[in-house]
Amino acid sequence: FAAGTSRLRGLGELRVKESDRLASTVALLQANGVEVETEGDDL
């Protein structure tokens, strides 16, 4: 919801949470019309 492009760096730890939380977060946003991608461990 913010103005501009955000980068959240170094999120490899999220891949071993209750789900692959990084992939799940990407799916949550994409399903609701948000442009998002991962670059390595950055969101």
PDB file of all heavy atoms in Angstrom:
ATOM      1  N   PHE A   1       0.814  -1.214   0.000  1.00  0.00           N
ATOM      2  CA  PHE A   1       0.000   0.000   0.000  1.00  0.00           C
ATOM      3  C   PHE A   1       0.852   1.270   0.000  1.00  0.00           C
ATOM      4  O   PHE A   1       0.322   2.375  -0.025  1.00  0.00           O
ATOM      5  CB  PHE A   1      -0.919   0.009   1.228  1.00  0.00           C
ATOM      6  CG  PHE A   1      -2.042  -0.982   1.155  1.00  0.00           C
ATOM      7  CD1 PHE A   1      -1.869  -2.275   1.601  1.00  0.00           C
ATOM      8  CD2 PHE A   1      -3.283  -0.615   0.629  1.00  0.00           C
ATOM      9  CE1 PHE A   1      -2.896  -3.197   1.543  1.00  0.00           C
ATOM     10  CE2 PHE A   1      -4.321  -1.527   0.559  1.00  0.00           C
ATOM     11  CZ  PHE A   1      -4.136  -2.829   1.011  1.00  0.00           C
ATOM     12  N   ALA A   2       2.179   1.134   0.073  1.00  0.00           N
ATOM     13  CA  ALA A   2       3.058   2.294   0.155  1.00  0.00           C
ATOM     14  C   ALA A   2       3.333   2.879  -1.227  1.00  0.00           C
ATOM     15  O   ALA A   2       3.130   2.229  -2.259  1.00  0.00           O
ATOM     16  CB  ALA A   2       4.375   1.890   0.818  1.00  0.00           C
ATOM     17  N   ALA A   3       3.805   4.108  -1.252  1.00  0.00           N
ATOM     18  CA  ALA A   3       4.174   4.766  -2.498  1.00  0.00           C
ATOM     19  C   ALA A   3       5.614   4.411  -2.849  1.00  0.00           C
ATOM     20  O   ALA A   3       6.538   4.740  -2.114  1.00  0.00           O
ATOM     21  CB  ALA A   3       4.024   6.275  -2.348  1.00  0.00           C
ATOM     22  N   GLY A   4       5.797   3.733  -3.971  1.00  0.00           N
ATOM     23  CA  GLY A   4       7.141   3.391  -4.411  1.00  0.00           C
ATOM     24  C   GLY A   4       7.440   1.910  -4.305  1.00  0.00           C
ATOM     25  O   GLY A   4       6.595   1.102  -3.915  1.00  0.00           O
ATOM     26  N   THR A   5       8.656   1.544  -4.649  1.00  0.00           N
ATOM     27  CA  THR A   5       9.089   0.152  -4.656  1.00  0.00           C
ATOM     28  C   THR A   5       9.935  -0.131  -3.425  1.00  0.00           C
ATOM     29  O   THR A   5      10.955   0.525  -3.200  1.00  0.00           O
ATOM     30  CB  THR A   5       9.899  -0.161  -5.925  1.00  0.00           C
ATOM     31  OG1 THR A   5       9.053   0.010  -7.067  1.00  0.00           O
ATOM     32  CG2 THR A   5      10.418  -1.587  -5.899  1.00  0.00           C
ATOM     33  N   SER A   6       9.521  -1.113  -2.653  1.00  0.00           N
ATOM     34  CA  SER A   6      10.224  -1.516  -1.440  1.00  0.00           C
ATOM     35  C   SER A   6      11.061  -2.758  -1.701  1.00  0.00           C
ATOM     36  O   SER A   6      10.671  -3.623  -2.500  1.00  0.00           O
ATOM     37  CB  SER A   6       9.242  -1.800  -0.304  1.00  0.00           C
ATOM     38  OG  SER A   6       8.535  -0.639   0.079  1.00  0.00           O
ATOM     39  N   ARG A   7      12.185  -2.866  -1.007  1.00  0.00           N
ATOM     40  CA  ARG A   7      13.017  -4.058  -1.077  1.00  0.00           C
ATOM     41  C   ARG A   7      13.285  -4.541   0.348  1.00  0.00           C
ATOM     42  O   ARG A   7      13.848  -3.807   1.161  1.00  0.00           O
ATOM     43  CB  ARG A   7      14.334  -3.787  -1.798  1.00  0.00           C
ATOM     44  CG  ARG A   7      15.243  -5.025  -1.904  1.00  0.00           C
ATOM     45  CD  ARG A   7      16.527  -4.718  -2.666  1.00  0.00           C
ATOM     46  NE  ARG A   7      16.286  -4.515  -4.078  1.00  0.00           N
ATOM     47  CZ  ARG A   7      16.357  -5.469  -4.996  1.00  0.00           C
ATOM     48  NH1 ARG A   7      16.653  -6.729  -4.641  1.00  0.00           N
ATOM     49  NH2 ARG A   7      16.139  -5.198  -6.266  1.00  0.00           N
ATOM     50  N   LEU A   8      12.899  -5.768   0.628  1.00  0.00           N
ATOM     51  CA  LEU A   8      13.132  -6.403   1.924  1.00  0.00           C
ATOM     52  C   LEU A   8      14.228  -7.427   1.707  1.00  0.00           C
ATOM     53  O   LEU A   8      14.030  -8.432   1.016  1.00  0.00           O
ATOM     54  CB  LEU A   8      11.849  -7.063   2.448  1.00  0.00           C
ATOM     55  CG  LEU A   8      10.557  -6.224   2.337  1.00  0.00           C
ATOM     56  CD1 LEU A   8       9.390  -6.968   2.966  1.00  0.00           C
ATOM     57  CD2 LEU A   8      10.731  -4.852   2.964  1.00  0.00           C
ATOM     58  N   ARG A   9      15.388  -7.218   2.315  1.00  0.00           N
ATOM     59  CA  ARG A   9      16.585  -7.980   1.986  1.00  0.00           C
ATOM     60  C   ARG A   9      16.841  -9.134   2.960  1.00  0.00           C
ATOM     61  O   ARG A   9      16.511  -9.054   4.142  1.00  0.00           O
ATOM     62  CB  ARG A   9      17.808  -7.049   1.978  1.00  0.00           C
ATOM     63  CG  ARG A   9      17.710  -5.918   0.962  1.00  0.00           C
ATOM     64  CD  ARG A   9      18.918  -5.006   1.027  1.00  0.00           C
ATOM     65  NE  ARG A   9      18.786  -3.860   0.112  1.00  0.00           N
ATOM     66  CZ  ARG A   9      19.176  -3.865  -1.155  1.00  0.00           C
ATOM     67  NH1 ARG A   9      19.744  -4.942  -1.666  1.00  0.00           N
ATOM     68  NH2 ARG A   9      19.011  -2.785  -1.908  1.00  0.00           N
ATOM     69  N   GLY A  10      17.455 -10.201   2.417  1.00  0.00           N
ATOM     70  CA  GLY A  10      17.980 -11.277   3.255  1.00  0.00           C
ATOM     71  C   GLY A  10      16.923 -12.098   3.967  1.00  0.00           C
ATOM     72  O   GLY A  10      17.034 -12.344   5.167  1.00  0.00           O
ATOM     73  N   LEU A  11      15.908 -12.580   3.238  1.00  0.00           N
ATOM     74  CA  LEU A  11      14.787 -13.279   3.860  1.00  0.00           C
ATOM     75  C   LEU A  11      14.850 -14.797   3.700  1.00  0.00           C
ATOM     76  O   LEU A  11      13.819 -15.472   3.719  1.00  0.00           O
ATOM     77  CB  LEU A  11      13.461 -12.754   3.283  1.00  0.00           C
ATOM     78  CG  LEU A  11      13.241 -11.244   3.371  1.00  0.00           C
ATOM     79  CD1 LEU A  11      11.823 -10.888   2.957  1.00  0.00           C
ATOM     80  CD2 LEU A  11      13.548 -10.718   4.754  1.00  0.00           C
ATOM     81  N   GLY A  12      16.035 -15.361   3.560  1.00  0.00           N
ATOM     82  CA  GLY A  12      16.150 -16.806   3.396  1.00  0.00           C
ATOM     83  C   GLY A  12      15.557 -17.588   4.543  1.00  0.00           C
ATOM     84  O   GLY A  12      15.026 -18.694   4.351  1.00  0.00           O
ATOM     85  N   GLU A  13      15.606 -17.031   5.762  1.00  0.00           N
ATOM     86  CA  GLU A  13      15.058 -17.725   6.934  1.00  0.00           C
ATOM     87  C   GLU A  13      13.563 -17.984   6.798  1.00  0.00           C
ATOM     88  O   GLU A  13      13.027 -18.945   7.361  1.00  0.00           O
ATOM     89  CB  GLU A  13      15.343 -16.879   8.185  1.00  0.00           C
ATOM     90  CG  GLU A  13      14.774 -17.420   9.485  1.00  0.00           C
ATOM     91  CD  GLU A  13      15.495 -18.659   9.990  1.00  0.00           C
ATOM     92  OE1 GLU A  13      16.521 -19.049   9.388  1.00  0.00           O
ATOM     93  OE2 GLU A  13      15.022 -19.241  10.973  1.00  0.00           O
ATOM     94  N   LEU A  14      12.863 -17.152   6.021  1.00  0.00           N
ATOM     95  CA  LEU A  14      11.415 -17.329   5.864  1.00  0.00           C
ATOM     96  C   LEU A  14      11.064 -18.610   5.109  1.00  0.00           C
ATOM     97  O   LEU A  14       9.923 -19.072   5.168  1.00  0.00           O
ATOM     98  CB  LEU A  14      10.811 -16.136   5.123  1.00  0.00           C
ATOM     99  CG  LEU A  14      10.801 -14.792   5.850  1.00  0.00           C
ATOM    100  CD1 LEU A  14      10.093 -13.744   5.014  1.00  0.00           C
ATOM    101  CD2 LEU A  14      10.149 -14.907   7.212  1.00  0.00           C
ATOM    102  N   ARG A  15      12.031 -19.191   4.417  1.00  0.00           N
ATOM    103  CA  ARG A  15      11.728 -20.407   3.647  1.00  0.00           C
ATOM    104  C   ARG A  15      11.530 -21.615   4.542  1.00  0.00           C
ATOM    105  O   ARG A  15      11.033 -22.649   4.081  1.00  0.00           O
ATOM    106  CB  ARG A  15      12.863 -20.683   2.652  1.00  0.00           C
ATOM    107  CG  ARG A  15      13.082 -19.559   1.642  1.00  0.00           C
ATOM    108  CD  ARG A  15      14.104 -19.943   0.593  1.00  0.00           C
ATOM    109  NE  ARG A  15      14.501 -18.818  -0.236  1.00  0.00           N
ATOM    110  CZ  ARG A  15      13.830 -18.380  -1.290  1.00  0.00           C
ATOM    111  NH1 ARG A  15      12.702 -18.977  -1.640  1.00  0.00           N
ATOM    112  NH2 ARG A  15      14.277 -17.348  -1.994  1.00  0.00           N
ATOM    113  N   VAL A  16      11.905 -21.538   5.830  1.00  0.00           N
ATOM    114  CA  VAL A  16      11.805 -22.700   6.720  1.00  0.00           C
ATOM    115  C   VAL A  16      10.917 -22.389   7.915  1.00  0.00           C
ATOM    116  O   VAL A  16      11.099 -22.905   9.009  1.00  0.00           O
ATOM    117  CB  VAL A  16      13.196 -23.172   7.198  1.00  0.00           C
ATOM    118  CG1 VAL A  16      13.968 -23.742   6.030  1.00  0.00           C
ATOM    119  CG2 VAL A  16      13.985 -22.031   7.846  1.00  0.00           C
ATOM    120  N   LYS A  17       9.916 -21.539   7.717  1.00  0.00           N
ATOM    121  CA  LYS A  17       8.930 -21.269   8.754  1.00  0.00           C
ATOM    122  C   LYS A  17       7.769 -22.248   8.614  1.00  0.00           C
ATOM    123  O   LYS A  17       7.898 -23.313   8.007  1.00  0.00           O
ATOM    124  CB  LYS A  17       8.478 -19.809   8.663  1.00  0.00           C
ATOM    125  CG  LYS A  17       9.550 -18.811   9.109  1.00  0.00           C
ATOM    126  CD  LYS A  17       9.819 -18.935  10.601  1.00  0.00           C
ATOM    127  CE  LYS A  17      10.788 -17.904  11.108  1.00  0.00           C
ATOM    128  NZ  LYS A  17      11.007 -18.009  12.571  1.00  0.00           N
ATOM    129  N   GLU A  18       6.583 -21.883   9.182  1.00  0.00           N
ATOM    130  CA  GLU A  18       5.434 -22.794   9.151  1.00  0.00           C
ATOM    131  C   GLU A  18       5.107 -23.252   7.736  1.00  0.00           C
ATOM    132  O   GLU A  18       4.655 -24.368   7.507  1.00  0.00           O
ATOM    133  CB  GLU A  18       4.208 -22.119   9.789  1.00  0.00           C
ATOM    134  CG  GLU A  18       4.214 -22.099  11.297  1.00  0.00           C
ATOM    135  CD  GLU A  18       5.083 -20.999  11.888  1.00  0.00           C
ATOM    136  OE1 GLU A  18       5.933 -20.426  11.182  1.00  0.00           O
ATOM    137  OE2 GLU A  18       4.926 -20.724  13.092  1.00  0.00           O
ATOM    138  N   SER A  19       5.274 -22.361   6.784  1.00  0.00           N
ATOM    139  CA  SER A  19       5.254 -22.714   5.364  1.00  0.00           C
ATOM    140  C   SER A  19       6.551 -22.151   4.798  1.00  0.00           C
ATOM    141  O   SER A  19       7.366 -21.609   5.530  1.00  0.00           O
ATOM    142  CB  SER A  19       4.037 -22.055   4.685  1.00  0.00           C
ATOM    143  OG  SER A  19       4.119 -20.640   4.797  1.00  0.00           O
ATOM    144  N   ASP A  20       6.766 -22.312   3.470  1.00  0.00           N
ATOM    145  CA  ASP A  20       7.802 -21.499   2.852  1.00  0.00           C
ATOM    146  C   ASP A  20       7.210 -20.100   2.848  1.00  0.00           C
ATOM    147  O   ASP A  20       6.506 -19.699   1.920  1.00  0.00           O
ATOM    148  CB  ASP A  20       8.102 -21.988   1.434  1.00  0.00           C
ATOM    149  CG  ASP A  20       9.164 -21.149   0.725  1.00  0.00           C
ATOM    150  OD1 ASP A  20       9.394 -19.994   1.158  1.00  0.00           O
ATOM    151  OD2 ASP A  20       9.736 -21.632  -0.252  1.00  0.00           O
ATOM    152  N   ARG A  21       7.463 -19.365   3.926  1.00  0.00           N
ATOM    153  CA  ARG A  21       6.748 -18.110   4.153  1.00  0.00           C
ATOM    154  C   ARG A  21       7.095 -17.064   3.115  1.00  0.00           C
ATOM    155  O   ARG A  21       6.289 -16.178   2.829  1.00  0.00           O
ATOM    156  CB  ARG A  21       7.025 -17.615   5.570  1.00  0.00           C
ATOM    157  CG  ARG A  21       6.017 -16.613   6.076  1.00  0.00           C
ATOM    158  CD  ARG A  21       6.219 -16.314   7.549  1.00  0.00           C
ATOM    159  NE  ARG A  21       5.438 -17.194   8.386  1.00  0.00           N
ATOM    160  CZ  ARG A  21       5.578 -17.273   9.711  1.00  0.00           C
ATOM    161  NH1 ARG A  21       6.501 -16.546  10.313  1.00  0.00           N
ATOM    162  NH2 ARG A  21       4.824 -18.080  10.422  1.00  0.00           N
ATOM    163  N   LEU A  22       8.267 -17.149   2.517  1.00  0.00           N
ATOM    164  CA  LEU A  22       8.614 -16.199   1.467  1.00  0.00           C
ATOM    165  C   LEU A  22       7.751 -16.446   0.236  1.00  0.00           C
ATOM    166  O   LEU A  22       7.139 -15.521  -0.309  1.00  0.00           O
ATOM    167  CB  LEU A  22      10.102 -16.319   1.127  1.00  0.00           C
ATOM    168  CG  LEU A  22      10.655 -15.324   0.103  1.00  0.00           C
ATOM    169  CD1 LEU A  22      10.378 -13.896   0.526  1.00  0.00           C
ATOM    170  CD2 LEU A  22      12.148 -15.552  -0.104  1.00  0.00           C
ATOM    171  N   ALA A  23       7.670 -17.703  -0.202  1.00  0.00           N
ATOM    172  CA  ALA A  23       6.830 -18.033  -1.355  1.00  0.00           C
ATOM    173  C   ALA A  23       5.358 -17.752  -1.063  1.00  0.00           C
ATOM    174  O   ALA A  23       4.619 -17.269  -1.925  1.00  0.00           O
ATOM    175  CB  ALA A  23       7.026 -19.499  -1.735  1.00  0.00           C
ATOM    176  N   SER A  24       4.919 -18.040   0.163  1.00  0.00           N
ATOM    177  CA  SER A  24       3.515 -17.819   0.519  1.00  0.00           C
ATOM    178  C   SER A  24       3.174 -16.334   0.526  1.00  0.00           C
ATOM    179  O   SER A  24       2.064 -15.936   0.138  1.00  0.00           O
ATOM    180  CB  SER A  24       3.220 -18.429   1.887  1.00  0.00           C
ATOM    181  OG  SER A  24       3.406 -19.830   1.870  1.00  0.00           O
ATOM    182  N   THR A  25       4.112 -15.500   0.972  1.00  0.00           N
ATOM    183  CA  THR A  25       3.875 -14.058   0.972  1.00  0.00           C
ATOM    184  C   THR A  25       3.773 -13.529  -0.449  1.00  0.00           C
ATOM    185  O   THR A  25       2.908 -12.697  -0.762  1.00  0.00           O
ATOM    186  CB  THR A  25       4.992 -13.338   1.742  1.00  0.00           C
ATOM    187  OG1 THR A  25       5.005 -13.811   3.100  1.00  0.00           O
ATOM    188  CG2 THR A  25       4.782 -11.835   1.742  1.00  0.00           C
ATOM    189  N   VAL A  26       4.655 -14.014  -1.324  1.00  0.00           N
ATOM    190  CA  VAL A  26       4.575 -13.627  -2.735  1.00  0.00           C
ATOM    191  C   VAL A  26       3.222 -14.025  -3.310  1.00  0.00           C
ATOM    192  O   VAL A  26       2.550 -13.227  -3.990  1.00  0.00           O
ATOM    193  CB  VAL A  26       5.723 -14.272  -3.536  1.00  0.00           C
ATOM    194  CG1 VAL A  26       5.508 -14.084  -5.041  1.00  0.00           C
ATOM    195  CG2 VAL A  26       7.059 -13.680  -3.112  1.00  0.00           C
ATOM    196  N   ALA A  27       2.784 -15.260  -3.031  1.00  0.00           N
ATOM    197  CA  ALA A  27       1.502 -15.732  -3.558  1.00  0.00           C
ATOM    198  C   ALA A  27       0.339 -14.904  -3.026  1.00  0.00           C
ATOM    199  O   ALA A  27      -0.605 -14.594  -3.764  1.00  0.00           O
ATOM    200  CB  ALA A  27       1.315 -17.207  -3.202  1.00  0.00           C
ATOM    201  N   LEU A  28       0.383 -14.544  -1.740  1.00  0.00           N
ATOM    202  CA  LEU A  28      -0.662 -13.713  -1.145  1.00  0.00           C
ATOM    203  C   LEU A  28      -0.786 -12.384  -1.880  1.00  0.00           C
ATOM    204  O   LEU A  28      -1.897 -11.952  -2.247  1.00  0.00           O
ATOM    205  CB  LEU A  28      -0.328 -13.473   0.335  1.00  0.00           C
ATOM    206  CG  LEU A  28      -1.007 -12.290   1.051  1.00  0.00           C
ATOM    207  CD1 LEU A  28      -2.505 -12.504   1.128  1.00  0.00           C
ATOM    208  CD2 LEU A  28      -0.417 -12.082   2.435  1.00  0.00           C
ATOM    209  N   LEU A  29       0.339 -11.724  -2.122  1.00  0.00           N
ATOM    210  CA  LEU A  29       0.300 -10.423  -2.774  1.00  0.00           C
ATOM    211  C   LEU A  29      -0.105 -10.536  -4.241  1.00  0.00           C
ATOM    212  O   LEU A  29      -0.934  -9.750  -4.735  1.00  0.00           O
ATOM    213  CB  LEU A  29       1.662  -9.741  -2.649  1.00  0.00           C
ATOM    214  CG  LEU A  29       2.124  -9.405  -1.223  1.00  0.00           C
ATOM    215  CD1 LEU A  29       3.498  -8.753  -1.254  1.00  0.00           C
ATOM    216  CD2 LEU A  29       1.125  -8.527  -0.509  1.00  0.00           C
ATOM    217  N   GLN A  30       0.469 -11.505  -4.944  1.00  0.00           N
ATOM    218  CA  GLN A  30       0.137 -11.641  -6.371  1.00  0.00           C
ATOM    219  C   GLN A  30      -1.332 -11.959  -6.583  1.00  0.00           C
ATOM    220  O   GLN A  30      -1.961 -11.460  -7.528  1.00  0.00           O
ATOM    221  CB  GLN A  30       1.009 -12.728  -6.996  1.00  0.00           C
ATOM    222  CG  GLN A  30       2.468 -12.313  -7.173  1.00  0.00           C
ATOM    223  CD  GLN A  30       3.323 -13.404  -7.778  1.00  0.00           C
ATOM    224  OE1 GLN A  30       2.996 -14.587  -7.701  1.00  0.00           O
ATOM    225  NE2 GLN A  30       4.445 -13.018  -8.385  1.00  0.00           N
ATOM    226  N   ALA A  31      -1.899 -12.784  -5.703  1.00  0.00           N
ATOM    227  CA  ALA A  31      -3.314 -13.135  -5.834  1.00  0.00           C
ATOM    228  C   ALA A  31      -4.217 -11.920  -5.674  1.00  0.00           C
ATOM    229  O   ALA A  31      -5.376 -11.941  -6.098  1.00  0.00           O
ATOM    230  CB  ALA A  31      -3.689 -14.200  -4.807  1.00  0.00           C
ATOM    231  N   ASN A  32      -3.686 -10.861  -5.071  1.00  0.00           N
ATOM    232  CA  ASN A  32      -4.497  -9.676  -4.818  1.00  0.00           C
ATOM    233  C   ASN A  32      -4.012  -8.444  -5.580  1.00  0.00           C
ATOM    234  O   ASN A  32      -4.211  -7.314  -5.159  1.00  0.00           O
ATOM    235  CB  ASN A  32      -4.521  -9.400  -3.312  1.00  0.00           C
ATOM    236  CG  ASN A  32      -5.378 -10.408  -2.578  1.00  0.00           C
ATOM    237  OD1 ASN A  32      -6.590 -10.320  -2.597  1.00  0.00           O
ATOM    238  ND2 ASN A  32      -4.729 -11.385  -1.942  1.00  0.00           N
ATOM    239  N   GLY A  33      -3.374  -8.705  -6.720  1.00  0.00           N
ATOM    240  CA  GLY A  33      -3.084  -7.642  -7.672  1.00  0.00           C
ATOM    241  C   GLY A  33      -1.852  -6.820  -7.393  1.00  0.00           C
ATOM    242  O   GLY A  33      -1.676  -5.749  -7.982  1.00  0.00           O
ATOM    243  N   VAL A  34      -0.953  -7.297  -6.526  1.00  0.00           N
ATOM    244  CA  VAL A  34       0.260  -6.552  -6.199  1.00  0.00           C
ATOM    245  C   VAL A  34       1.411  -7.064  -7.051  1.00  0.00           C
ATOM    246  O   VAL A  34       1.614  -8.276  -7.171  1.00  0.00           O
ATOM    247  CB  VAL A  34       0.612  -6.701  -4.705  1.00  0.00           C
ATOM    248  CG1 VAL A  34       1.882  -5.906  -4.368  1.00  0.00           C
ATOM    249  CG2 VAL A  34      -0.553  -6.236  -3.833  1.00  0.00           C
ATOM    250  N   GLU A  35       2.171  -6.165  -7.633  1.00  0.00           N
ATOM    251  CA  GLU A  35       3.359  -6.541  -8.383  1.00  0.00           C
ATOM    252  C   GLU A  35       4.492  -6.833  -7.402  1.00  0.00           C
ATOM    253  O   GLU A  35       4.882  -5.969  -6.613  1.00  0.00           O
ATOM    254  CB  GLU A  35       3.776  -5.415  -9.331  1.00  0.00           C
ATOM    255  CG  GLU A  35       2.777  -5.136 -10.438  1.00  0.00           C
ATOM    256  CD  GLU A  35       3.253  -4.017 -11.344  1.00  0.00           C
ATOM    257  OE1 GLU A  35       4.472  -3.967 -11.637  1.00  0.00           O
ATOM    258  OE2 GLU A  35       2.433  -3.174 -11.727  1.00  0.00           O
ATOM    259  N   VAL A  36       5.028  -8.044  -7.437  1.00  0.00           N
ATOM    260  CA  VAL A  36       6.034  -8.462  -6.479  1.00  0.00           C
ATOM    261  C   VAL A  36       6.913  -9.528  -7.111  1.00  0.00           C
ATOM    262  O   VAL A  36       6.438 -10.326  -7.924  1.00  0.00           O
ATOM    263  CB  VAL A  36       5.374  -8.986  -5.179  1.00  0.00           C
ATOM    264  CG1 VAL A  36       4.410 -10.127  -5.482  1.00  0.00           C
ATOM    265  CG2 VAL A  36       6.403  -9.416  -4.154  1.00  0.00           C
ATOM    266  N   GLU A  37       8.191  -9.543  -6.749  1.00  0.00           N
ATOM    267  CA  GLU A  37       9.073 -10.614  -7.209  1.00  0.00           C
ATOM    268  C   GLU A  37      10.160 -10.834  -6.172  1.00  0.00           C
ATOM    269  O   GLU A  37      10.395  -9.992  -5.300  1.00  0.00           O
ATOM    270  CB  GLU A  37       9.698 -10.294  -8.569  1.00  0.00           C
ATOM    271  CG  GLU A  37      10.584  -9.075  -8.584  1.00  0.00           C
ATOM    272  CD  GLU A  37       9.861  -7.825  -9.078  1.00  0.00           C
ATOM    273  OE1 GLU A  37       8.655  -7.889  -9.405  1.00  0.00           O
ATOM    274  OE2 GLU A  37      10.522  -6.769  -9.124  1.00  0.00           O
ATOM    275  N   THR A  38      10.785 -12.005  -6.271  1.00  0.00           N
ATOM    276  CA  THR A  38      11.951 -12.291  -5.438  1.00  0.00           C
ATOM    277  C   THR A  38      13.200 -12.203  -6.301  1.00  0.00           C
ATOM    278  O   THR A  38      13.187 -12.594  -7.472  1.00  0.00           O
ATOM    279  CB  THR A  38      11.865 -13.685  -4.798  1.00  0.00           C
ATOM    280  OG1 THR A  38      11.703 -14.672  -5.822  1.00  0.00           O
ATOM    281  CG2 THR A  38      10.701 -13.767  -3.828  1.00  0.00           C
ATOM    282  N   GLU A  39      14.261 -11.692  -5.679  1.00  0.00           N
ATOM    283  CA  GLU A  39      15.579 -11.669  -6.310  1.00  0.00           C
ATOM    284  C   GLU A  39      16.537 -12.277  -5.306  1.00  0.00           C
ATOM    285  O   GLU A  39      16.946 -11.621  -4.343  1.00  0.00           O
ATOM    286  CB  GLU A  39      15.980 -10.242  -6.678  1.00  0.00           C
ATOM    287  CG  GLU A  39      15.076  -9.616  -7.742  1.00  0.00           C
ATOM    288  CD  GLU A  39      15.465  -8.189  -8.096  1.00  0.00           C
ATOM    289  OE1 GLU A  39      16.488  -7.698  -7.539  1.00  0.00           O
ATOM    290  OE2 GLU A  39      14.770  -7.567  -8.929  1.00  0.00           O
ATOM    291  N   GLY A  40      16.844 -13.571  -5.488  1.00  0.00           N
ATOM    292  CA  GLY A  40      17.600 -14.294  -4.472  1.00  0.00           C
ATOM    293  C   GLY A  40      16.760 -14.401  -3.211  1.00  0.00           C
ATOM    294  O   GLY A  40      15.628 -14.898  -3.256  1.00  0.00           O
ATOM    295  N   ASP A  41      17.288 -13.907  -2.090  1.00  0.00           N
ATOM    296  CA  ASP A  41      16.534 -13.894  -0.840  1.00  0.00           C
ATOM    297  C   ASP A  41      15.908 -12.540  -0.553  1.00  0.00           C
ATOM    298  O   ASP A  41      15.454 -12.287   0.568  1.00  0.00           O
ATOM    299  CB  ASP A  41      17.457 -14.288   0.334  1.00  0.00           C
ATOM    300  CG  ASP A  41      17.794 -15.769   0.336  1.00  0.00           C
ATOM    301  OD1 ASP A  41      17.020 -16.555  -0.247  1.00  0.00           O
ATOM    302  OD2 ASP A  41      18.836 -16.140   0.910  1.00  0.00           O
ATOM    303  N   ASP A  42      15.858 -11.655  -1.554  1.00  0.00           N
ATOM    304  CA  ASP A  42      15.218 -10.353  -1.392  1.00  0.00           C
ATOM    305  C   ASP A  42      13.795 -10.396  -1.933  1.00  0.00           C
ATOM    306  O   ASP A  42      13.507 -11.098  -2.916  1.00  0.00           O
ATOM    307  CB  ASP A  42      15.985  -9.264  -2.148  1.00  0.00           C
ATOM    308  CG  ASP A  42      17.360  -9.004  -1.575  1.00  0.00           C
ATOM    309  OD1 ASP A  42      17.709  -9.619  -0.547  1.00  0.00           O
ATOM    310  OD2 ASP A  42      18.092  -8.177  -2.158  1.00  0.00           O
ATOM    311  N   LEU A  43      12.926  -9.625  -1.284  1.00  0.00           N
ATOM    312  CA  LEU A  43      11.546  -9.485  -1.733  1.00  0.00           C
ATOM    313  C   LEU A  43      11.360  -8.051  -2.215  1.00  0.00           C
ATOM    314  O   LEU A  43      11.635  -7.097  -1.471  1.00  0.00           O
ATOM    315  CB  LEU A  43      10.586  -9.797  -0.582  1.00  0.00           C
ATOM    316  CG  LEU A  43       9.086  -9.790  -0.878  1.00  0.00           C
ATOM    317  CD1 LEU A  43       8.740 -10.839  -1.922  1.00  0.00           C
ATOM    318  CD2 LEU A  43       8.297 -10.033   0.409  1.00  0.00           C
TER     319      LEU A  43
END
